[in-house]
C-alpha atoms as a PDB file:
ATOM      1  CA  MET A   1      46.747  79.498 -15.426  1.00  0.00           C
ATOM      2  CA  LYS A   2      44.475  79.417 -12.451  1.00  0.00           C
ATOM      3  CA  LYS A   3      41.901  82.258 -12.412  1.00  0.00           C
ATOM      4  CA  SER A   4      41.919  84.540  -9.594  1.00  0.00           C
ATOM      5  CA  GLN A   5      39.052  84.492  -7.230  1.00  0.00           C
ATOM      6  CA  LEU A   6      37.856  87.827  -8.334  1.00  0.00           C
ATOM      7  CA  ASP A   7      37.738  86.727 -11.852  1.00  0.00           C
ATOM      8  CA  GLN A   8      35.754  83.537 -10.685  1.00  0.00           C
ATOM      9  CA  ILE A   9      33.103  85.924  -8.946  1.00  0.00           C
ATOM     10  CA  CYS A  10      32.926  87.708 -12.199  1.00  0.00           C
ATOM     11  CA  ASP A  11      32.600  84.684 -14.348  1.00  0.00           C
ATOM     12  CA  THR A  12      29.922  83.556 -12.027  1.00  0.00           C
ATOM     13  CA  LEU A  13      28.005  86.758 -12.163  1.00  0.00           C
ATOM     14  CA  ASP A  14      28.047  86.635 -15.958  1.00  0.00           C
ATOM     15  CA  GLU A  15      26.829  83.028 -16.103  1.00  0.00           C
ATOM     16  CA  LEU A  16      23.834  84.098 -13.632  1.00  0.00           C
ATOM     17  CA  LYS A  17      23.119  86.752 -16.056  1.00  0.00           C
ATOM     18  CA  ALA A  18      23.924  89.699 -13.686  1.00  0.00           C
ATOM     19  CA  GLN A  19      24.254  92.648 -16.055  1.00  0.00           C
ATOM     20  CA  SER A  20      26.576  95.918 -15.933  1.00  0.00           C
ATOM     21  CA  ILE A  21      29.245  93.979 -13.943  1.00  0.00           C
ATOM     22  CA  LEU A  22      31.823  96.372 -12.834  1.00  0.00           C
ATOM     23  CA  VAL A  23      34.987  95.652 -10.704  1.00  0.00           C
ATOM     24  CA  ILE A  24      36.144  98.817  -8.640  1.00  0.00           C
ATOM     25  CA  ASN A  25      39.886  98.759  -7.255  1.00  0.00           C
ATOM     26  CA  THR A  26      39.899 100.376  -4.153  1.00  0.00           C
ATOM     27  CA  GLN A  27      43.282  99.247  -2.625  1.00  0.00           C
ATOM     28  CA  ASN A  28      44.871 102.756  -2.546  1.00  0.00           C
ATOM     29  CA  GLN A  29      41.507 104.334  -1.347  1.00  0.00           C
ATOM     30  CA  THR A  30      40.467 102.632   1.502  1.00  0.00           C
ATOM     31  CA  VAL A  31      41.628  99.973   4.091  1.00  0.00           C
ATOM     32  CA  ILE A  32      38.218  98.269   4.035  1.00  0.00           C
ATOM     33  CA  CYS A  33      38.630  96.294   1.064  1.00  0.00           C
ATOM     34  CA  ASP A  34      40.721  95.984  -1.937  1.00  0.00           C
ATOM     35  CA  HIS A  35      37.963  95.445  -4.554  1.00  0.00           C
ATOM     36  CA  MET A  36      34.121  96.360  -4.763  1.00  0.00           C
ATOM     37  CA  ILE A  37      32.025  94.442  -7.583  1.00  0.00           C
ATOM     38  CA  LEU A  38      28.885  95.974  -8.769  1.00  0.00           C
ATOM     39  CA  ALA A  39      26.193  94.276 -10.777  1.00  0.00           C
ATOM     40  CA  THR A  40      22.660  94.681 -11.779  1.00  0.00           C
ATOM     41  CA  ALA A  41      19.877  91.935 -11.827  1.00  0.00           C
ATOM     42  CA  ASN A  42      16.570  92.125 -13.838  1.00  0.00           C
ATOM     43  CA  SER A  43      14.384  91.160 -10.719  1.00  0.00           C
ATOM     44  CA  GLU A  44      14.375  90.770  -7.100  1.00  0.00           C
ATOM     45  CA  ARG A  45      14.301  87.137  -7.345  1.00  0.00           C
ATOM     46  CA  GLN A  46      17.200  86.960  -9.793  1.00  0.00           C
ATOM     47  CA  MET A  47      19.112  89.271  -7.280  1.00  0.00           C
ATOM     48  CA  ASN A  48      18.444  86.733  -4.219  1.00  0.00           C
ATOM     49  CA  PHE A  49      19.335  83.820  -6.472  1.00  0.00           C
ATOM     50  CA  ILE A  50      22.719  85.547  -7.422  1.00  0.00           C
ATOM     51  CA  ALA A  51      23.425  86.454  -3.567  1.00  0.00           C
ATOM     52  CA  GLN A  52      22.776  82.833  -2.511  1.00  0.00           C
ATOM     53  CA  THR A  53      24.728  81.244  -5.188  1.00  0.00           C
ATOM     54  CA  LEU A  54      27.781  83.712  -4.367  1.00  0.00           C
ATOM     55  CA  LEU A  55      27.438  83.033  -0.531  1.00  0.00           C
ATOM     56  CA  ARG A  56      27.510  79.286  -1.257  1.00  0.00           C
ATOM     57  CA  ASP A  57      30.292  78.877  -3.971  1.00  0.00           C
ATOM     58  CA  PHE A  58      32.681  81.470  -2.366  1.00  0.00           C
ATOM     59  CA  LYS A  59      32.313  80.991   1.471  1.00  0.00           C
ATOM     60  CA  LYS A  60      35.056  79.697   3.212  1.00  0.00           C
ATOM     61  CA  GLU A  61      34.807  78.194   7.094  1.00  0.00           C
ATOM     62  CA  ARG A  62      36.778  80.908   8.610  1.00  0.00           C
ATOM     63  CA  GLN A  63      35.557  83.713   6.254  1.00  0.00           C
ATOM     64  CA  HIS A  64      32.848  86.105   7.243  1.00  0.00           C
ATOM     65  CA  THR A  65      30.116  86.325   5.083  1.00  0.00           C
ATOM     66  CA  LYS A  66      26.997  88.109   4.968  1.00  0.00           C
ATOM     67  CA  ALA A  67      24.284  89.387   2.613  1.00  0.00           C
ATOM     68  CA  GLU A  68      21.820  92.462   3.461  1.00  0.00           C
ATOM     69  CA  ALA A  69      18.955  92.755   1.277  1.00  0.00           C
ATOM     70  CA  ASP A  70      16.515  95.652   0.602  1.00  0.00           C
ATOM     71  CA  GLU A  71      13.920  95.761  -2.060  1.00  0.00           C
ATOM     72  CA  HIS A  72      15.986  97.030  -4.625  1.00  0.00           C
ATOM     73  CA  TRP A  73      19.485  96.392  -3.748  1.00  0.00           C
ATOM     74  CA  THR A  74      21.740  93.517  -1.884  1.00  0.00           C
ATOM     75  CA  LEU A  75      25.026  93.927  -0.174  1.00  0.00           C
ATOM     76  CA  ILE A  76      27.253  90.811   0.106  1.00  0.00           C
ATOM     77  CA  ASP A  77      30.491  90.882   2.126  1.00  0.00           C
ATOM     78  CA  LEU A  78      32.561  87.582   0.980  1.00  0.00           C
ATOM     79  CA  GLY A  79      35.447  88.710   3.407  1.00  0.00           C
ATOM     80  CA  ASP A  80      38.806  88.113   1.947  1.00  0.00           C
ATOM     81  CA  THR A  81      38.647  86.573  -1.692  1.00  0.00           C
END
């Protein structure tokens, strides 16, 4: 059985030692997105590595991807996954 891209993203987060991985289904709550994934990292360095890995591994040619970083959090938009 082929894994969904949502499952692949969560597996990648787990492999990169992200913690407290939480998937929130927002399909019936907003038109902006179907899912939000929250995860924590132990350091800013780990957080940046996770963000860059996700952007590299799940970016498609026509897909809008973006990462915005602050000292304590990072927002990654992988577009349609």
